[in-house]
Amino acid sequence: MLVRTLSKRSEFLAANRGLRFPMPGFVLLVRHRGDGEDVLGIGYTVSKKVGNAVTRNRMKRRFRELARAALPESGVSGADHVLIGRPGANDMPFAELGEHLDSALKRAAKKLATKAP
């Protein structure tokens, strides 16, 4: 499955209008684009409230690795996914974050499947 990175502010704002799945270390936003493409979109955002630049960059690196492993199998095709970092995510074990992401992706797929016409 092909995965592209979200880069424009408008893509992040559009994803914000989608479904939210809060987890202990992050919030997952999922929005079906409806453009007919099966490409997955992924974006990462960590605000300054979470910590300094070193903390934020470390969190984004962890999120990128989590997404690289989980999205091709569990991601919703044709949808944009955004991971928003929460304070304390860097203190959580990597495996636990992975379990949370898998759980959130399964909930998103289930919700979008029932929502589809």
N, C-alpha and C. Protein backbone atom coordinates (compact mmCIF):
# COMPACT_ATOMS: atom_id res chain seq x y z
N MET A 1 0.85 -1.18 0.00
CA MET A 1 0.00 0.00 0.00
C MET A 1 0.89 1.24 0.00
N LEU A 2 0.57 2.18 -0.86
CA LEU A 2 1.34 3.41 -0.98
C LEU A 2 0.92 4.40 0.10
N VAL A 3 1.91 5.04 0.72
CA VAL A 3 1.65 6.01 1.78
C VAL A 3 2.32 7.32 1.41
N ARG A 4 1.57 8.42 1.50
CA ARG A 4 2.16 9.73 1.24
C ARG A 4 2.07 10.58 2.50
N THR A 5 2.98 11.54 2.63
CA THR A 5 3.02 12.40 3.79
C THR A 5 2.25 13.68 3.51
N LEU A 6 1.42 14.05 4.45
CA LEU A 6 0.68 15.31 4.34
C LEU A 6 1.65 16.46 4.57
N SER A 7 1.56 17.50 3.75
CA SER A 7 2.50 18.61 3.90
C SER A 7 1.82 19.97 3.94
N LYS A 8 0.61 20.07 3.40
CA LYS A 8 -0.07 21.36 3.34
C LYS A 8 -0.98 21.55 4.55
N ARG A 9 -1.05 22.79 5.00
CA ARG A 9 -1.91 23.11 6.14
C ARG A 9 -3.36 22.73 5.86
N SER A 10 -3.80 22.93 4.63
CA SER A 10 -5.19 22.62 4.27
C SER A 10 -5.50 21.14 4.45
N GLU A 11 -4.51 20.27 4.23
CA GLU A 11 -4.72 18.83 4.41
C GLU A 11 -4.92 18.50 5.90
N PHE A 12 -4.15 19.18 6.76
CA PHE A 12 -4.29 18.96 8.20
C PHE A 12 -5.63 19.49 8.70
N LEU A 13 -6.05 20.65 8.18
CA LEU A 13 -7.34 21.22 8.58
C LEU A 13 -8.49 20.34 8.12
N ALA A 14 -8.37 19.76 6.93
CA ALA A 14 -9.40 18.85 6.42
C ALA A 14 -9.47 17.61 7.31
N ALA A 15 -8.32 17.07 7.70
CA ALA A 15 -8.29 15.89 8.56
C ALA A 15 -8.92 16.19 9.91
N ASN A 16 -8.80 17.43 10.36
CA ASN A 16 -9.37 17.82 11.64
C ASN A 16 -10.90 17.76 11.63
N ARG A 17 -11.50 17.82 10.45
CA ARG A 17 -12.95 17.72 10.35
C ARG A 17 -13.42 16.26 10.32
N GLY A 18 -12.48 15.33 10.36
CA GLY A 18 -12.83 13.91 10.32
C GLY A 18 -13.07 13.34 11.70
N LEU A 19 -12.90 12.03 11.82
CA LEU A 19 -13.13 11.33 13.08
C LEU A 19 -11.91 11.42 13.98
N ARG A 20 -12.14 11.51 15.29
CA ARG A 20 -11.08 11.60 16.29
C ARG A 20 -11.08 10.34 17.14
N PHE A 21 -9.88 9.81 17.38
CA PHE A 21 -9.73 8.64 18.23
C PHE A 21 -8.66 8.94 19.26
N PRO A 22 -9.06 9.45 20.44
CA PRO A 22 -8.07 9.80 21.47
C PRO A 22 -7.49 8.55 22.15
N MET A 23 -6.19 8.56 22.32
CA MET A 23 -5.48 7.49 23.01
C MET A 23 -4.56 8.14 24.05
N PRO A 24 -3.97 7.36 24.96
CA PRO A 24 -3.14 7.97 26.00
C PRO A 24 -1.95 8.79 25.48
N GLY A 25 -1.28 8.36 24.42
CA GLY A 25 -0.09 9.07 23.95
C GLY A 25 -0.31 9.99 22.76
N PHE A 26 -1.46 9.88 22.13
CA PHE A 26 -1.72 10.67 20.92
C PHE A 26 -3.21 10.70 20.63
N VAL A 27 -3.58 11.54 19.67
CA VAL A 27 -4.93 11.56 19.13
C VAL A 27 -4.79 11.22 17.65
N LEU A 28 -5.57 10.27 17.17
CA LEU A 28 -5.55 9.91 15.75
C LEU A 28 -6.75 10.55 15.08
N LEU A 29 -6.49 11.32 14.02
CA LEU A 29 -7.54 11.89 13.20
C LEU A 29 -7.59 11.10 11.90
N VAL A 30 -8.78 10.71 11.47
CA VAL A 30 -8.93 9.98 10.21
C VAL A 30 -10.07 10.62 9.43
N ARG A 31 -9.79 10.94 8.17
CA ARG A 31 -10.83 11.51 7.31
C ARG A 31 -10.70 10.90 5.93
N HIS A 32 -11.79 10.33 5.45
CA HIS A 32 -11.81 9.76 4.10
C HIS A 32 -11.84 10.91 3.11
N ARG A 33 -10.91 10.91 2.14
CA ARG A 33 -10.80 12.01 1.18
C ARG A 33 -11.91 11.99 0.15
N GLY A 34 -12.31 10.82 -0.30
CA GLY A 34 -13.36 10.73 -1.30
C GLY A 34 -12.92 11.14 -2.69
N ASP A 35 -11.62 11.04 -2.98
CA ASP A 35 -11.11 11.42 -4.30
C ASP A 35 -10.91 10.21 -5.21
N GLY A 36 -11.26 9.02 -4.74
CA GLY A 36 -11.15 7.84 -5.58
C GLY A 36 -9.80 7.17 -5.56
N GLU A 37 -8.82 7.74 -4.88
CA GLU A 37 -7.48 7.13 -4.79
C GLU A 37 -7.40 6.26 -3.54
N ASP A 38 -6.61 5.19 -3.63
CA ASP A 38 -6.43 4.30 -2.49
C ASP A 38 -5.20 4.64 -1.66
N VAL A 39 -4.51 5.72 -2.01
CA VAL A 39 -3.28 6.11 -1.31
C VAL A 39 -3.62 6.58 0.10
N LEU A 40 -2.84 6.10 1.07
CA LEU A 40 -3.00 6.55 2.45
C LEU A 40 -2.23 7.86 2.64
N GLY A 41 -2.79 8.76 3.42
CA GLY A 41 -2.07 9.99 3.79
C GLY A 41 -1.75 9.94 5.27
N ILE A 42 -0.55 10.41 5.65
CA ILE A 42 -0.17 10.43 7.06
C ILE A 42 0.50 11.77 7.37
N GLY A 43 0.13 12.33 8.49
CA GLY A 43 0.74 13.57 8.95
C GLY A 43 0.99 13.49 10.45
N TYR A 44 1.93 14.28 10.92
CA TYR A 44 2.31 14.27 12.33
C TYR A 44 2.34 15.71 12.82
N THR A 45 1.82 15.93 14.01
CA THR A 45 1.90 17.25 14.58
C THR A 45 2.09 17.13 16.10
N VAL A 46 3.02 17.93 16.61
CA VAL A 46 3.30 17.97 18.04
C VAL A 46 3.47 19.44 18.40
N SER A 47 2.61 19.95 19.28
CA SER A 47 2.66 21.38 19.60
C SER A 47 3.75 21.69 20.62
N LYS A 48 4.01 22.97 20.78
CA LYS A 48 5.03 23.40 21.73
C LYS A 48 4.62 23.15 23.17
N LYS A 49 3.34 22.90 23.40
CA LYS A 49 2.87 22.58 24.75
C LYS A 49 3.44 21.27 25.25
N VAL A 50 3.84 20.41 24.32
CA VAL A 50 4.34 19.09 24.67
C VAL A 50 5.76 19.16 25.23
N GLY A 51 6.56 20.08 24.71
CA GLY A 51 7.93 20.19 25.20
C GLY A 51 8.80 20.99 24.26
N ASN A 52 10.10 20.93 24.51
CA ASN A 52 11.04 21.68 23.67
C ASN A 52 11.25 20.96 22.34
N ALA A 53 12.10 21.52 21.48
CA ALA A 53 12.30 20.99 20.13
C ALA A 53 12.81 19.56 20.15
N VAL A 54 13.70 19.26 21.08
CA VAL A 54 14.26 17.91 21.17
C VAL A 54 13.15 16.90 21.48
N THR A 55 12.29 17.24 22.43
CA THR A 55 11.18 16.36 22.81
C THR A 55 10.21 16.18 21.66
N ARG A 56 9.86 17.28 21.00
CA ARG A 56 8.90 17.20 19.90
C ARG A 56 9.45 16.38 18.74
N ASN A 57 10.71 16.59 18.39
CA ASN A 57 11.31 15.85 17.28
C ASN A 57 11.42 14.36 17.61
N ARG A 58 11.74 14.03 18.85
CA ARG A 58 11.82 12.62 19.24
C ARG A 58 10.45 11.97 19.11
N MET A 59 9.41 12.69 19.53
CA MET A 59 8.06 12.15 19.44
C MET A 59 7.67 11.93 17.98
N LYS A 60 8.00 12.87 17.11
CA LYS A 60 7.66 12.71 15.69
C LYS A 60 8.42 11.54 15.07
N ARG A 61 9.67 11.35 15.46
CA ARG A 61 10.44 10.19 14.95
C ARG A 61 9.77 8.89 15.38
N ARG A 62 9.31 8.82 16.63
CA ARG A 62 8.63 7.61 17.12
C ARG A 62 7.33 7.39 16.35
N PHE A 63 6.57 8.47 16.11
CA PHE A 63 5.32 8.36 15.37
C PHE A 63 5.57 7.89 13.94
N ARG A 64 6.62 8.42 13.31
CA ARG A 64 6.92 8.00 11.94
C ARG A 64 7.22 6.51 11.88
N GLU A 65 7.96 6.00 12.84
CA GLU A 65 8.30 4.58 12.85
C GLU A 65 7.06 3.73 13.13
N LEU A 66 6.21 4.19 14.05
CA LEU A 66 4.95 3.47 14.32
C LEU A 66 4.10 3.40 13.06
N ALA A 67 3.96 4.53 12.37
CA ALA A 67 3.13 4.58 11.17
C ALA A 67 3.72 3.72 10.06
N ARG A 68 5.04 3.72 9.93
CA ARG A 68 5.70 2.91 8.90
C ARG A 68 5.37 1.43 9.10
N ALA A 69 5.26 1.01 10.34
CA ALA A 69 4.98 -0.40 10.63
C ALA A 69 3.49 -0.73 10.54
N ALA A 70 2.62 0.18 11.01
CA ALA A 70 1.21 -0.17 11.16
C ALA A 70 0.32 0.23 9.99
N LEU A 71 0.60 1.36 9.35
CA LEU A 71 -0.34 1.87 8.35
C LEU A 71 -0.54 0.98 7.13
N PRO A 72 0.49 0.40 6.54
CA PRO A 72 0.24 -0.42 5.34
C PRO A 72 -0.75 -1.57 5.58
N GLU A 73 -0.75 -2.16 6.78
CA GLU A 73 -1.67 -3.26 7.05
C GLU A 73 -3.00 -2.78 7.60
N SER A 74 -2.97 -1.82 8.53
CA SER A 74 -4.18 -1.45 9.28
C SER A 74 -4.80 -0.13 8.86
N GLY A 75 -4.11 0.66 8.05
CA GLY A 75 -4.63 1.97 7.69
C GLY A 75 -5.87 1.90 6.82
N VAL A 76 -6.65 2.96 6.82
CA VAL A 76 -7.87 3.05 6.03
C VAL A 76 -7.48 3.58 4.65
N SER A 77 -7.68 2.77 3.61
CA SER A 77 -7.27 3.20 2.27
C SER A 77 -8.15 4.34 1.79
N GLY A 78 -7.52 5.31 1.13
CA GLY A 78 -8.23 6.47 0.63
C GLY A 78 -8.51 7.51 1.70
N ALA A 79 -7.84 7.40 2.84
CA ALA A 79 -8.08 8.34 3.94
C ALA A 79 -6.77 9.00 4.37
N ASP A 80 -6.91 10.17 4.96
CA ASP A 80 -5.77 10.86 5.56
C ASP A 80 -5.78 10.57 7.06
N HIS A 81 -4.60 10.29 7.60
CA HIS A 81 -4.43 10.00 9.02
C HIS A 81 -3.50 11.07 9.59
N VAL A 82 -3.81 11.61 10.75
CA VAL A 82 -2.94 12.57 11.42
C VAL A 82 -2.75 12.11 12.86
N LEU A 83 -1.49 12.04 13.29
CA LEU A 83 -1.17 11.72 14.68
C LEU A 83 -0.80 13.01 15.39
N ILE A 84 -1.53 13.34 16.45
CA ILE A 84 -1.26 14.53 17.25
C ILE A 84 -0.67 14.05 18.57
N GLY A 85 0.55 14.49 18.85
CA GLY A 85 1.25 14.06 20.06
C GLY A 85 0.66 14.66 21.32
N ARG A 86 0.67 13.87 22.38
CA ARG A 86 0.22 14.32 23.69
C ARG A 86 1.39 14.25 24.67
N PRO A 87 1.35 15.09 25.70
CA PRO A 87 2.43 15.02 26.70
C PRO A 87 2.52 13.62 27.31
N GLY A 88 3.73 13.14 27.49
CA GLY A 88 3.94 11.83 28.10
C GLY A 88 4.11 10.70 27.11
N ALA A 89 3.91 10.96 25.82
CA ALA A 89 4.04 9.89 24.84
C ALA A 89 5.47 9.37 24.74
N ASN A 90 6.45 10.25 24.97
CA ASN A 90 7.85 9.81 24.90
C ASN A 90 8.21 8.91 26.08
N ASP A 91 7.46 9.01 27.17
CA ASP A 91 7.74 8.18 28.35
C ASP A 91 7.12 6.79 28.24
N MET A 92 6.19 6.62 27.31
CA MET A 92 5.52 5.33 27.14
C MET A 92 6.43 4.37 26.36
N PRO A 93 6.37 3.08 26.68
CA PRO A 93 7.13 2.11 25.90
C PRO A 93 6.65 2.09 24.44
N PHE A 94 7.59 1.88 23.53
CA PHE A 94 7.28 1.91 22.10
C PHE A 94 6.23 0.86 21.73
N ALA A 95 6.34 -0.33 22.32
CA ALA A 95 5.39 -1.41 22.03
C ALA A 95 3.97 -1.03 22.46
N GLU A 96 3.86 -0.33 23.58
CA GLU A 96 2.55 0.09 24.07
C GLU A 96 1.93 1.13 23.12
N LEU A 97 2.75 2.06 22.63
CA LEU A 97 2.27 3.03 21.65
C LEU A 97 1.79 2.32 20.39
N GLY A 98 2.52 1.30 19.97
CA GLY A 98 2.13 0.52 18.80
C GLY A 98 0.79 -0.16 18.99
N GLU A 99 0.56 -0.71 20.19
CA GLU A 99 -0.72 -1.36 20.48
C GLU A 99 -1.86 -0.34 20.44
N HIS A 100 -1.60 0.86 20.99
CA HIS A 100 -2.62 1.91 20.97
C HIS A 100 -2.94 2.33 19.53
N LEU A 101 -1.90 2.43 18.69
CA LEU A 101 -2.12 2.83 17.31
C LEU A 101 -2.92 1.76 16.56
N ASP A 102 -2.58 0.50 16.78
CA ASP A 102 -3.34 -0.59 16.14
C ASP A 102 -4.81 -0.55 16.56
N SER A 103 -5.03 -0.35 17.85
CA SER A 103 -6.39 -0.28 18.37
C SER A 103 -7.16 0.89 17.75
N ALA A 104 -6.52 2.05 17.67
CA ALA A 104 -7.18 3.23 17.10
C ALA A 104 -7.47 3.03 15.61
N LEU A 105 -6.54 2.41 14.88
CA LEU A 105 -6.76 2.17 13.45
C LEU A 105 -7.90 1.18 13.22
N LYS A 106 -8.01 0.16 14.08
CA LYS A 106 -9.12 -0.80 13.96
C LYS A 106 -10.45 -0.11 14.23
N ARG A 107 -10.49 0.74 15.26
CA ARG A 107 -11.71 1.48 15.56
C ARG A 107 -12.08 2.40 14.41
N ALA A 108 -11.08 3.04 13.80
CA ALA A 108 -11.33 3.94 12.67
C ALA A 108 -11.88 3.18 11.48
N ALA A 109 -11.29 2.03 11.16
CA ALA A 109 -11.76 1.24 10.03
C ALA A 109 -13.19 0.77 10.25
N LYS A 110 -13.50 0.36 11.47
CA LYS A 110 -14.84 -0.12 11.79
C LYS A 110 -15.85 1.03 11.68
N LYS A 111 -15.49 2.18 12.22
CA LYS A 111 -16.40 3.33 12.20
C LYS A 111 -16.64 3.82 10.77
N LEU A 112 -15.57 3.89 9.96
CA LEU A 112 -15.72 4.36 8.59
C LEU A 112 -16.48 3.33 7.73
N ALA A 113 -16.36 2.05 8.05
CA ALA A 113 -17.08 1.02 7.30
C ALA A 113 -18.58 1.12 7.55
N THR A 114 -18.96 1.42 8.80
CA THR A 114 -20.39 1.54 9.11
C THR A 114 -20.94 2.87 8.61
N LYS A 115 -20.08 3.87 8.49
CA LYS A 115 -20.50 5.20 8.07
C LYS A 115 -20.67 5.30 6.54
N ALA A 116 -19.96 4.44 5.81
CA ALA A 116 -20.01 4.49 4.34
C ALA A 116 -21.41 4.15 3.84
N PRO A 117 -21.84 4.81 2.75
CA PRO A 117 -23.19 4.56 2.23
C PRO A 117 -23.33 3.21 1.58
